[in-house]
N, C-alpha and C. Protein backbone atom coordinates (compact mmCIF):
# COMPACT_ATOMS: atom_id res chain seq x y z
N MET A 1 14.02 -11.59 12.21
CA MET A 1 12.60 -11.69 12.03
C MET A 1 12.38 -11.98 13.45
N ALA A 2 11.17 -11.48 13.56
CA ALA A 2 10.15 -11.55 14.54
C ALA A 2 9.79 -12.71 14.88
N GLN A 3 9.53 -13.07 15.77
CA GLN A 3 8.33 -14.84 16.15
C GLN A 3 7.61 -14.13 17.19
N LEU A 4 6.05 -14.68 16.49
CA LEU A 4 5.32 -13.78 17.07
C LEU A 4 4.23 -15.34 17.90
N ILE A 5 4.01 -15.08 18.93
CA ILE A 5 2.70 -16.00 19.53
C ILE A 5 1.81 -16.34 20.36
N VAL A 6 0.58 -17.18 20.15
CA VAL A 6 -0.52 -16.54 19.81
C VAL A 6 -1.12 -18.12 20.87
N ARG A 7 -1.44 -16.87 21.97
CA ARG A 7 -2.09 -17.93 23.12
C ARG A 7 -3.37 -18.24 23.53
N GLU A 8 -4.17 -18.68 23.89
CA GLU A 8 -5.46 -19.05 23.71
C GLU A 8 -6.22 -19.12 22.89
N LEU A 9 -6.51 -19.96 21.62
CA LEU A 9 -7.19 -19.80 20.01
C LEU A 9 -7.99 -20.90 20.31
N ASP A 10 -8.95 -20.82 20.08
CA ASP A 10 -10.27 -21.60 19.49
C ASP A 10 -9.76 -22.69 19.11
N GLU A 11 -9.86 -24.17 19.43
CA GLU A 11 -9.07 -24.96 18.58
C GLU A 11 -10.65 -25.02 17.07
N GLU A 12 -11.01 -24.44 17.19
CA GLU A 12 -11.68 -24.81 15.37
C GLU A 12 -11.13 -23.59 15.24
N VAL A 13 -10.33 -21.73 15.26
CA VAL A 13 -9.81 -21.59 14.80
C VAL A 13 -8.53 -21.96 14.88
N VAL A 14 -8.01 -22.52 14.98
CA VAL A 14 -7.03 -23.93 14.48
C VAL A 14 -6.60 -24.92 13.97
N ARG A 15 -8.09 -25.56 13.41
CA ARG A 15 -8.34 -26.51 13.13
C ARG A 15 -9.03 -26.16 11.56
N GLN A 16 -9.26 -24.73 11.25
CA GLN A 16 -9.57 -23.90 10.50
C GLN A 16 -8.29 -23.83 9.24
N LEU A 17 -6.99 -23.22 10.18
CA LEU A 17 -6.08 -22.29 9.65
C LEU A 17 -5.73 -23.66 8.72
N LYS A 18 -5.70 -24.99 9.91
CA LYS A 18 -4.70 -26.02 9.01
C LYS A 18 -5.45 -26.08 7.30
N ILE A 19 -7.32 -26.30 7.54
CA ILE A 19 -6.94 -27.09 6.69
C ILE A 19 -7.21 -25.60 5.56
N ARG A 20 -7.00 -24.50 5.62
CA ARG A 20 -7.33 -23.73 5.00
C ARG A 20 -5.57 -23.53 4.14
N ALA A 21 -4.35 -24.05 5.31
CA ALA A 21 -3.19 -23.68 4.52
C ALA A 21 -2.49 -25.03 3.58
N ALA A 22 -4.18 -26.00 4.25
CA ALA A 22 -3.45 -27.44 2.88
C ALA A 22 -4.20 -27.06 1.84
N ARG A 23 -4.73 -26.69 2.06
CA ARG A 23 -5.86 -26.21 0.49
C ARG A 23 -5.14 -24.88 -0.15
N ASN A 24 -4.28 -24.32 0.24
CA ASN A 24 -3.11 -23.20 -0.93
C ASN A 24 -2.01 -24.29 -0.67
N GLY A 25 -1.55 -24.91 0.90
CA GLY A 25 -0.12 -25.80 -0.21
C GLY A 25 0.87 -25.39 0.78
N ARG A 26 0.61 -24.62 1.47
CA ARG A 26 1.35 -24.46 2.68
C ARG A 26 1.46 -24.90 3.96
N SER A 27 2.05 -24.62 4.83
CA SER A 27 2.17 -25.06 5.90
C SER A 27 1.12 -23.77 7.26
N ALA A 28 0.66 -24.55 8.76
CA ALA A 28 0.06 -23.52 9.26
C ALA A 28 0.77 -22.22 9.52
N GLU A 29 1.99 -22.80 10.11
CA GLU A 29 3.21 -21.85 10.18
C GLU A 29 3.00 -20.43 8.70
N ALA A 30 3.42 -20.57 7.86
CA ALA A 30 3.45 -20.40 6.43
C ALA A 30 1.89 -19.38 5.93
N GLU A 31 0.62 -20.34 6.30
CA GLU A 31 -0.25 -19.86 6.32
C GLU A 31 -0.82 -18.31 7.21
N HIS A 32 0.08 -18.75 7.91
CA HIS A 32 -1.11 -17.49 9.60
C HIS A 32 0.60 -16.68 9.40
N ARG A 33 1.47 -16.71 8.81
CA ARG A 33 1.68 -15.37 8.23
C ARG A 33 1.63 -14.69 6.76
N GLU A 34 0.79 -15.56 6.11
CA GLU A 34 0.11 -15.04 5.19
C GLU A 34 -0.79 -14.35 4.74
N ILE A 35 -1.88 -15.09 6.35
CA ILE A 35 -3.12 -14.04 6.52
C ILE A 35 -3.01 -12.01 7.04
N LEU A 36 -1.66 -12.72 8.81
CA LEU A 36 -1.29 -11.38 8.83
C LEU A 36 -0.68 -10.74 7.85
N TYR A 37 0.42 -11.07 6.51
CA TYR A 37 0.36 -9.94 5.36
C TYR A 37 -0.50 -9.80 4.98
N GLU A 38 -1.66 -10.45 4.49
CA GLU A 38 -2.62 -9.99 3.75
C GLU A 38 -3.44 -8.89 4.45
N ALA A 39 -3.66 -9.12 6.30
CA ALA A 39 -4.58 -8.01 7.01
C ALA A 39 -4.02 -6.65 7.06
N LEU A 40 -2.56 -6.58 7.39
CA LEU A 40 -2.11 -5.50 7.56
C LEU A 40 -1.30 -4.67 6.60
N MET A 41 -0.41 -5.35 5.53
CA MET A 41 0.03 -4.64 4.71
C MET A 41 -0.78 -4.55 2.93
N ARG A 42 -1.90 -5.26 2.99
CA ARG A 42 -2.01 -5.19 1.30
C ARG A 42 -2.83 -4.41 1.41
N SER A 43 -4.14 -4.28 2.78
CA SER A 43 -5.19 -3.61 2.64
C SER A 43 -5.25 -2.46 3.11
N GLN A 44 -3.89 -1.91 3.33
CA GLN A 44 -4.27 -0.45 3.58
C GLN A 44 -4.77 0.37 2.51
N PRO A 45 -5.18 1.13 1.97
CA PRO A 45 -5.57 2.33 1.17
C PRO A 45 -4.45 2.88 -0.05
N LYS A 46 -4.80 2.67 -1.01
CA LYS A 46 -3.51 3.38 -1.61
C LYS A 46 -4.38 4.71 -2.15
N LYS A 47 -3.14 6.32 -1.26
CA LYS A 47 -3.31 7.32 -1.63
C LYS A 47 -3.73 7.67 -3.19
N SER A 48 -4.84 8.28 -3.43
CA SER A 48 -4.78 8.91 -4.81
C SER A 48 -3.50 9.80 -5.07
N LEU A 49 -3.07 9.77 -7.00
CA LEU A 49 -2.85 11.34 -7.23
C LEU A 49 -3.25 12.43 -6.56
N LYS A 50 -4.56 12.93 -6.05
CA LYS A 50 -5.08 13.89 -6.21
C LYS A 50 -4.78 14.06 -4.52
N ALA A 51 -4.97 13.22 -3.87
CA ALA A 51 -4.18 13.39 -2.23
C ALA A 51 -3.03 13.49 -1.95
N LEU A 52 -1.90 13.12 -3.13
CA LEU A 52 -0.83 13.02 -2.90
C LEU A 52 0.32 14.23 -3.27
N LEU A 53 -0.66 14.88 -4.72
CA LEU A 53 -0.88 16.58 -4.67
C LEU A 53 -1.08 17.41 -3.42
N ARG A 54 -1.96 17.10 -2.72
CA ARG A 54 -2.30 16.96 -1.83
C ARG A 54 -1.05 17.47 -0.91
N GLU A 55 -1.09 16.88 -0.40
CA GLU A 55 0.01 16.28 0.53
C GLU A 55 1.41 17.64 0.62
N MET A 56 1.26 17.71 -0.68
CA MET A 56 2.57 18.59 -1.32
C MET A 56 3.31 19.72 -0.84
N PRO A 57 4.33 20.42 0.32
CA PRO A 57 4.11 21.47 0.35
C PRO A 57 4.34 22.22 -0.22
N SER A 58 3.41 23.56 -0.10
CA SER A 58 3.17 24.19 -1.09
C SER A 58 3.95 25.71 -1.43
N GLU A 59 5.53 26.27 -2.26
CA GLU A 59 5.77 27.03 -1.29
C GLU A 59 5.48 28.96 -2.38
N PHE A 60 4.80 28.71 -2.63
CA PHE A 60 3.99 29.83 -3.80
C PHE A 60 2.83 30.45 -3.67
N ASP A 61 1.96 31.49 -4.41
CA ASP A 61 1.44 31.42 -4.20
C ASP A 61 0.62 31.67 -5.99
N ASP A 62 -0.31 31.41 -5.73
CA ASP A 62 -0.65 31.60 -7.44
C ASP A 62 -0.99 32.54 -8.51
N VAL A 63 -0.87 33.75 -6.85
CA VAL A 63 -0.31 35.38 -7.80
C VAL A 63 1.23 35.61 -7.57
N THR A 64 1.80 34.75 -7.62
CA THR A 64 3.66 35.06 -7.07
C THR A 64 3.69 34.56 -8.87
N LEU A 65 3.43 33.79 -9.50
CA LEU A 65 3.81 32.87 -10.69
C LEU A 65 3.24 33.51 -11.56
N GLU A 66 3.92 34.35 -12.38
CA GLU A 66 3.67 34.53 -14.00
C GLU A 66 3.58 33.15 -14.65
N ARG A 67 3.14 33.67 -15.36
CA ARG A 67 2.52 32.65 -16.72
C ARG A 67 3.48 33.19 -17.85
N VAL A 68 4.69 32.63 -18.13
CA VAL A 68 5.35 32.81 -19.90
C VAL A 68 4.84 31.88 -21.15
N GLN A 69 4.60 33.27 -21.97
CA GLN A 69 3.75 33.17 -23.16
C GLN A 69 5.33 32.44 -24.19
N ASP A 70 5.46 31.13 -24.13
CA ASP A 70 6.55 31.16 -25.29
C ASP A 70 6.65 31.07 -26.53
N GLN A 71 6.98 32.21 -27.41
CA GLN A 71 6.69 32.52 -28.46
C GLN A 71 7.53 31.58 -29.64
N GLY A 72 8.06 30.70 -29.21
CA GLY A 72 8.86 29.72 -30.24
C GLY A 72 10.51 30.13 -30.37
N ARG A 73 10.66 29.33 -31.69
CA ARG A 73 12.33 30.15 -32.10
C ARG A 73 11.87 30.23 -33.75
N GLU A 74 12.86 31.66 -34.21
CA GLU A 74 12.55 31.87 -35.42
C GLU A 74 12.78 30.87 -36.14
N VAL A 75 12.32 30.67 -37.37
CA VAL A 75 12.50 29.23 -38.21
C VAL A 75 12.56 30.17 -39.48
N PRO A 76 14.30 30.42 -40.01
CA PRO A 76 15.01 30.90 -40.89
C PRO A 76 13.89 30.14 -41.98
N PHE A 77 13.37 31.41 -43.08
CA PHE A 77 12.79 30.23 -44.30
C PHE A 77 13.90 30.32 -46.24
């Protein structure tokens, strides 16, 4: 895993980080990891189904496809 060193933080920021960590039952380092994860990984908007479908490559035009009407199978009586 990578390491991250943050220099020149305001003392109040560090104090608030420690308070928040204590409230959540974590170390300041674990709280820092959680804050970074929440900010960078979970907040990315999820694409809608519509957006995903639009991104799919289109190999056919609507006019090249023919609709086949299924007549079903013959049922003997």
